[in-house]
C-alpha atoms as a PDB file:
ATOM      1  CA  MET A   1     -26.904  -7.639   2.181  1.00  0.00           C
ATOM      2  CA  ALA A   2     -24.559  -8.877  -0.490  1.00  0.00           C
ATOM      3  CA  ASP A   3     -21.316 -10.604   0.607  1.00  0.00           C
ATOM      4  CA  THR A   4     -19.188  -8.752  -1.929  1.00  0.00           C
ATOM      5  CA  ALA A   5     -18.993  -5.240  -3.051  1.00  0.00           C
ATOM      6  CA  THR A   6     -17.123  -3.369  -5.685  1.00  0.00           C
ATOM      7  CA  LEU A   7     -15.686  -0.127  -3.911  1.00  0.00           C
ATOM      8  CA  SER A   8     -15.509   3.186  -5.364  1.00  0.00           C
ATOM      9  CA  GLU A   9     -13.484   6.219  -4.042  1.00  0.00           C
ATOM     10  CA  ASN A  10     -16.890   7.766  -2.925  1.00  0.00           C
ATOM     11  CA  ALA A  11     -18.221   4.533  -1.368  1.00  0.00           C
ATOM     12  CA  ASN A  12     -18.064   6.010   2.226  1.00  0.00           C
ATOM     13  CA  ALA A  13     -17.797   9.655   1.643  1.00  0.00           C
ATOM     14  CA  LEU A  14     -20.431  10.636   4.351  1.00  0.00           C
ATOM     15  CA  GLN A  15     -19.515   8.045   7.009  1.00  0.00           C
ATOM     16  CA  PRO A  16     -17.080   9.021   9.856  1.00  0.00           C
ATOM     17  CA  GLU A  17     -13.420   7.873   9.542  1.00  0.00           C
ATOM     18  CA  ASN A  18     -12.863   4.182  10.834  1.00  0.00           C
ATOM     19  CA  TRP A  19      -9.982   2.780  12.686  1.00  0.00           C
ATOM     20  CA  GLY A  20      -8.071   1.672   9.807  1.00  0.00           C
ATOM     21  CA  LEU A  21      -8.137   4.879   7.977  1.00  0.00           C
ATOM     22  CA  THR A  22      -7.067   6.840  10.906  1.00  0.00           C
ATOM     23  CA  ALA A  23      -4.248   4.477  11.513  1.00  0.00           C
ATOM     24  CA  VAL A  24      -3.209   4.732   7.870  1.00  0.00           C
ATOM     25  CA  ARG A  25      -3.150   8.561   7.997  1.00  0.00           C
ATOM     26  CA  THR A  26      -1.138   8.599  11.205  1.00  0.00           C
ATOM     27  CA  ALA A  27       1.378   5.910  10.124  1.00  0.00           C
ATOM     28  CA  LEU A  28       2.072   7.549   6.536  1.00  0.00           C
ATOM     29  CA  GLN A  29       1.483  11.237   7.611  1.00  0.00           C
ATOM     30  CA  PRO A  30       3.877  13.583   5.438  1.00  0.00           C
ATOM     31  CA  GLU A  31       4.681  15.696   8.398  1.00  0.00           C
ATOM     32  CA  GLY A  32       6.333  12.679  10.390  1.00  0.00           C
ATOM     33  CA  ARG A  33       5.333   9.349  11.203  1.00  0.00           C
ATOM     34  CA  THR A  34       4.264   8.157  14.441  1.00  0.00           C
ATOM     35  CA  ARG A  35       4.487   4.377  13.553  1.00  0.00           C
ATOM     36  CA  ASP A  36       6.441   2.552  11.006  1.00  0.00           C
ATOM     37  CA  LEU A  37       6.559  -1.343  10.225  1.00  0.00           C
ATOM     38  CA  PRO A  38       9.903  -2.303  11.453  1.00  0.00           C
ATOM     39  CA  PHE A  39      11.076  -3.762   8.182  1.00  0.00           C
ATOM     40  CA  MET A  40      10.265  -0.332   6.338  1.00  0.00           C
ATOM     41  CA  ARG A  41      13.142   1.262   8.513  1.00  0.00           C
ATOM     42  CA  THR A  42      15.573  -1.496   7.726  1.00  0.00           C
ATOM     43  CA  ALA A  43      14.801  -1.281   3.853  1.00  0.00           C
ATOM     44  CA  GLY A  44      14.995   2.527   3.758  1.00  0.00           C
ATOM     45  CA  LEU A  45      11.408   2.961   3.013  1.00  0.00           C
ATOM     46  CA  SER A  46      10.482   5.010   5.990  1.00  0.00           C
ATOM     47  CA  GLU A  47      12.220   8.058   4.501  1.00  0.00           C
ATOM     48  CA  THR A  48      11.174   7.607   0.894  1.00  0.00           C
ATOM     49  CA  LEU A  49       7.314   6.787   0.952  1.00  0.00           C
ATOM     50  CA  GLU A  50       4.959   9.740   1.449  1.00  0.00           C
ATOM     51  CA  LEU A  51       1.208   9.547   1.563  1.00  0.00           C
ATOM     52  CA  ILE A  52      -0.608  11.598  -1.029  1.00  0.00           C
ATOM     53  CA  ASP A  53      -4.098  10.600  -0.640  1.00  0.00           C
ATOM     54  CA  THR A  54      -6.230   7.769   1.011  1.00  0.00           C
ATOM     55  CA  GLY A  55      -9.918   6.996   1.662  1.00  0.00           C
ATOM     56  CA  PRO A  56     -11.881   3.896   2.206  1.00  0.00           C
ATOM     57  CA  GLY A  57     -10.299   1.166  -0.079  1.00  0.00           C
ATOM     58  CA  TYR A  58      -7.606   3.340  -1.873  1.00  0.00           C
ATOM     59  CA  LEU A  59      -4.357   4.935  -1.370  1.00  0.00           C
ATOM     60  CA  THR A  60      -1.794   6.933  -3.234  1.00  0.00           C
ATOM     61  CA  LEU A  61       1.851   7.247  -2.195  1.00  0.00           C
ATOM     62  CA  ALA A  62       4.801   9.003  -3.691  1.00  0.00           C
ATOM     63  CA  TRP A  63       7.996   6.866  -3.736  1.00  0.00           C
ATOM     64  CA  ARG A  64      11.457   8.421  -3.942  1.00  0.00           C
ATOM     65  CA  ALA A  65      13.326   5.278  -5.398  1.00  0.00           C
ATOM     66  CA  GLU A  66      16.857   5.543  -3.986  1.00  0.00           C
ATOM     67  CA  ALA A  67      20.151   3.923  -5.372  1.00  0.00           C
ATOM     68  CA  PRO A  68      20.554   1.526  -2.429  1.00  0.00           C
ATOM     69  CA  LEU A  69      17.898  -0.467  -3.892  1.00  0.00           C
ATOM     70  CA  ASP A  70      19.401  -0.872  -7.401  1.00  0.00           C
ATOM     71  CA  SER A  71      20.290  -3.749  -9.213  1.00  0.00           C
ATOM     72  CA  TYR A  72      23.883  -3.333 -10.788  1.00  0.00           C
ATOM     73  CA  ASP A  73      22.681  -1.219 -13.661  1.00  0.00           C
ATOM     74  CA  GLY A  74      21.001   1.673 -11.887  1.00  0.00           C
ATOM     75  CA  ILE A  75      17.540   0.164 -12.037  1.00  0.00           C
ATOM     76  CA  ILE A  76      15.302  -0.485  -8.891  1.00  0.00           C
ATOM     77  CA  GLN A  77      15.342  -4.136  -8.168  1.00  0.00           C
ATOM     78  CA  GLY A  78      12.039  -5.899  -8.761  1.00  0.00           C
ATOM     79  CA  GLY A  79      11.594  -7.410  -5.415  1.00  0.00           C
ATOM     80  CA  MET A  80      11.845  -3.877  -3.735  1.00  0.00           C
ATOM     81  CA  GLN A  81       8.885  -2.774  -5.989  1.00  0.00           C
ATOM     82  CA  THR A  82       7.003  -5.732  -4.768  1.00  0.00           C
ATOM     83  CA  VAL A  83       7.710  -4.825  -1.249  1.00  0.00           C
ATOM     84  CA  VAL A  84       6.333  -1.381  -1.914  1.00  0.00           C
ATOM     85  CA  ALA A  85       3.274  -2.691  -3.446  1.00  0.00           C
ATOM     86  CA  ASP A  86       2.664  -5.213  -0.554  1.00  0.00           C
ATOM     87  CA  VAL A  87       3.010  -2.164   1.890  1.00  0.00           C
ATOM     88  CA  ALA A  88       0.676  -0.085  -0.036  1.00  0.00           C
ATOM     89  CA  GLN A  89      -1.880  -2.889  -0.395  1.00  0.00           C
ATOM     90  CA  GLY A  90      -1.673  -3.567   3.332  1.00  0.00           C
ATOM     91  CA  HIS A  91      -2.483   0.048   4.167  1.00  0.00           C
ATOM     92  CA  ALA A  92      -5.263   0.097   1.537  1.00  0.00           C
ATOM     93  CA  PHE A  93      -6.719  -2.972   3.109  1.00  0.00           C
ATOM     94  CA  SER A  94      -6.475  -1.160   6.513  1.00  0.00           C
ATOM     95  CA  THR A  95      -8.453   1.614   5.446  1.00  0.00           C
ATOM     96  CA  LEU A  96     -11.672  -0.794   5.401  1.00  0.00           C
ATOM     97  CA  LEU A  97     -11.305  -2.019   9.034  1.00  0.00           C
ATOM     98  CA  GLU A  98     -13.403  -0.830  11.667  1.00  0.00           C
ATOM     99  CA  GLU A  99     -11.128  -2.100  14.437  1.00  0.00           C
ATOM    100  CA  PRO A 100      -7.564  -3.561  14.841  1.00  0.00           C
ATOM    101  CA  ARG A 101      -7.301  -7.083  13.112  1.00  0.00           C
ATOM    102  CA  GLY A 102      -4.806  -9.338  11.846  1.00  0.00           C
ATOM    103  CA  PHE A 103      -4.666  -9.745   8.111  1.00  0.00           C
ATOM    104  CA  SER A 104      -2.095 -10.988   5.520  1.00  0.00           C
ATOM    105  CA  THR A 105      -1.374 -11.267   1.990  1.00  0.00           C
ATOM    106  CA  VAL A 106      -2.582 -14.494   0.470  1.00  0.00           C
ATOM    107  CA  ASP A 107      -1.312 -14.016  -3.119  1.00  0.00           C
ATOM    108  CA  LEU A 108       0.714 -11.170  -4.811  1.00  0.00           C
ATOM    109  CA  SER A 109       1.485 -11.394  -8.474  1.00  0.00           C
ATOM    110  CA  SER A 110       3.856  -8.943 -10.226  1.00  0.00           C
ATOM    111  CA  ARG A 111       4.192  -7.484 -13.920  1.00  0.00           C
ATOM    112  CA  TYR A 112       7.176  -5.513 -14.601  1.00  0.00           C
ATOM    113  CA  LEU A 113       6.477  -3.262 -17.568  1.00  0.00           C
ATOM    114  CA  ARG A 114       9.468  -0.706 -17.890  1.00  0.00           C
ATOM    115  CA  PRO A 115      12.761  -0.370 -16.191  1.00  0.00           C
ATOM    116  CA  MET A 116      12.655   1.862 -13.000  1.00  0.00           C
ATOM    117  CA  PRO A 117      15.725   4.191 -12.797  1.00  0.00           C
ATOM    118  CA  SER A 118      16.589   5.206  -9.173  1.00  0.00           C
ATOM    119  CA  GLY A 119      16.875   8.810  -8.137  1.00  0.00           C
ATOM    120  CA  GLN A 120      13.235   9.319  -9.540  1.00  0.00           C
ATOM    121  CA  THR A 121       9.929   9.808  -7.641  1.00  0.00           C
ATOM    122  CA  TYR A 122       7.146   7.425  -8.671  1.00  0.00           C
ATOM    123  CA  THR A 123       3.436   7.296  -7.828  1.00  0.00           C
ATOM    124  CA  VAL A 124       1.960   4.226  -6.194  1.00  0.00           C
ATOM    125  CA  GLU A 125      -1.712   3.853  -6.837  1.00  0.00           C
ATOM    126  CA  THR A 126      -3.512   1.292  -4.787  1.00  0.00           C
ATOM    127  CA  LYS A 127      -7.250   0.279  -4.774  1.00  0.00           C
ATOM    128  CA  VAL A 128      -9.346  -2.371  -3.346  1.00  0.00           C
ATOM    129  CA  THR A 129     -11.492  -3.788  -6.239  1.00  0.00           C
ATOM    130  CA  GLU A 130     -13.399  -6.264  -4.553  1.00  0.00           C
ATOM    131  CA  LYS A 131     -14.174  -7.099  -1.069  1.00  0.00           C
ATOM    132  CA  THR A 132     -15.873  -9.733   1.039  1.00  0.00           C
ATOM    133  CA  ARG A 133     -16.188  -9.800   4.919  1.00  0.00           C
ATOM    134  CA  ARG A 134     -12.791 -11.567   5.140  1.00  0.00           C
ATOM    135  CA  THR A 135     -10.961 -11.012   1.825  1.00  0.00           C
ATOM    136  CA  ALA A 136     -10.104  -8.398  -0.661  1.00  0.00           C
ATOM    137  CA  LEU A 137      -8.616  -8.072  -4.258  1.00  0.00           C
ATOM    138  CA  ILE A 138      -6.163  -5.077  -4.566  1.00  0.00           C
ATOM    139  CA  GLU A 139      -4.472  -3.481  -7.394  1.00  0.00           C
ATOM    140  CA  THR A 140      -1.338  -1.559  -7.419  1.00  0.00           C
ATOM    141  CA  THR A 141       0.154   0.374 -10.226  1.00  0.00           C
ATOM    142  CA  ILE A 142       3.497   2.099  -9.912  1.00  0.00           C
ATOM    143  CA  ARG A 143       3.828   5.174 -12.258  1.00  0.00           C
ATOM    144  CA  ARG A 144       6.646   7.307 -13.353  1.00  0.00           C
ATOM    145  CA  SER A 145       6.179  11.168 -13.507  1.00  0.00           C
ATOM    146  CA  ASP A 146       4.824  11.048 -17.150  1.00  0.00           C
ATOM    147  CA  GLY A 147       1.965   8.636 -16.017  1.00  0.00           C
ATOM    148  CA  LYS A 148       3.269   5.605 -17.682  1.00  0.00           C
ATOM    149  CA  PRO A 149       3.160   2.434 -15.644  1.00  0.00           C
ATOM    150  CA  VAL A 150       6.431   0.803 -14.761  1.00  0.00           C
ATOM    151  CA  SER A 151       4.896  -2.222 -12.812  1.00  0.00           C
ATOM    152  CA  HIS A 152       1.520  -3.670 -11.888  1.00  0.00           C
ATOM    153  CA  PHE A 153       0.572  -5.883  -8.918  1.00  0.00           C
ATOM    154  CA  LEU A 154      -2.508  -7.873  -8.100  1.00  0.00           C
ATOM    155  CA  GLY A 155      -2.905  -9.038  -4.447  1.00  0.00           C
ATOM    156  CA  SER A 156      -5.286 -11.243  -2.532  1.00  0.00           C
ATOM    157  CA  TRP A 157      -5.729 -10.387   1.105  1.00  0.00           C
ATOM    158  CA  GLN A 158      -7.432 -12.031   4.039  1.00  0.00           C
ATOM    159  CA  ILE A 159      -8.534 -11.414   7.586  1.00  0.00           C
ATOM    160  CA  VAL A 160      -6.747 -13.982   9.835  1.00  0.00           C
ATOM    161  CA  GLN A 161      -7.568 -15.234  13.232  1.00  0.00           C
ATOM    162  CA  ARG A 162      -4.552 -14.283  15.552  1.00  0.00           C
ATOM    163  CA  ASP A 163      -3.898 -11.857  18.237  1.00  0.00           C
ATOM    164  CA  PHE A 164      -3.456  -8.499  16.827  1.00  0.00           C
ATOM    165  CA  LYS A 165      -1.001  -6.218  18.942  1.00  0.00           C
ATOM    166  CA  LEU A 166       0.020  -2.790  17.924  1.00  0.00           C
ATOM    167  CA  ILE A 167       3.660  -2.572  18.729  1.00  0.00           C
ATOM    168  CA  SER A 168       5.008   0.972  19.766  1.00  0.00           C
ATOM    169  CA  ALA A 169       7.895   2.443  17.511  1.00  0.00           C
END
C-alpha cells in the first residue's frame, strides 16, 4: 500500500463514518455546538462559523465576518482570516482520524487576494490534497458571495506524539 494518497470527495463514500468526521459534525453542527475550541469563543468565531458540508478530507464553512475583527477601515484583519483557515484545516484533518489523536499545524502560508469587508458572509472551502500516515497538505480558499476568492492558504499538518485529552465545554 502506498504511503501517500491524493484524496477526492468520494474517497471513502461507502465506508462508515470515522471518529474524526463524527467529532467535526458534532463540534460545528448548525443547530448548536456541543464543543468549541476555547479560543473560538474568545475571538467571536463560535457564533459566526457554520458547517455547510463535510466528508473525509474536506470541509465547507460559512463565515459571517463581523466588525469586531476589522482593521480601521472596515476590512477584516488578515490574521483573523488566517485563524479561520487554521480552524477549518484542523477540522478537515480531523475528518481523516479513526481515533482521537494529537495533531498540529506545521506550516501555514497565506495569500490575500482582495479586501474582505466585514458584515458579509464568506464561504471557507478546505480540502486535504495530499496525505501520508502522519502528515497532510491542506488548502483553504475563502470566497465572497460572487465566488471570487479573497484569500488562499496552504497548510502542512502532522500527527504529534502527545497525550490527547478531550476537554468538556
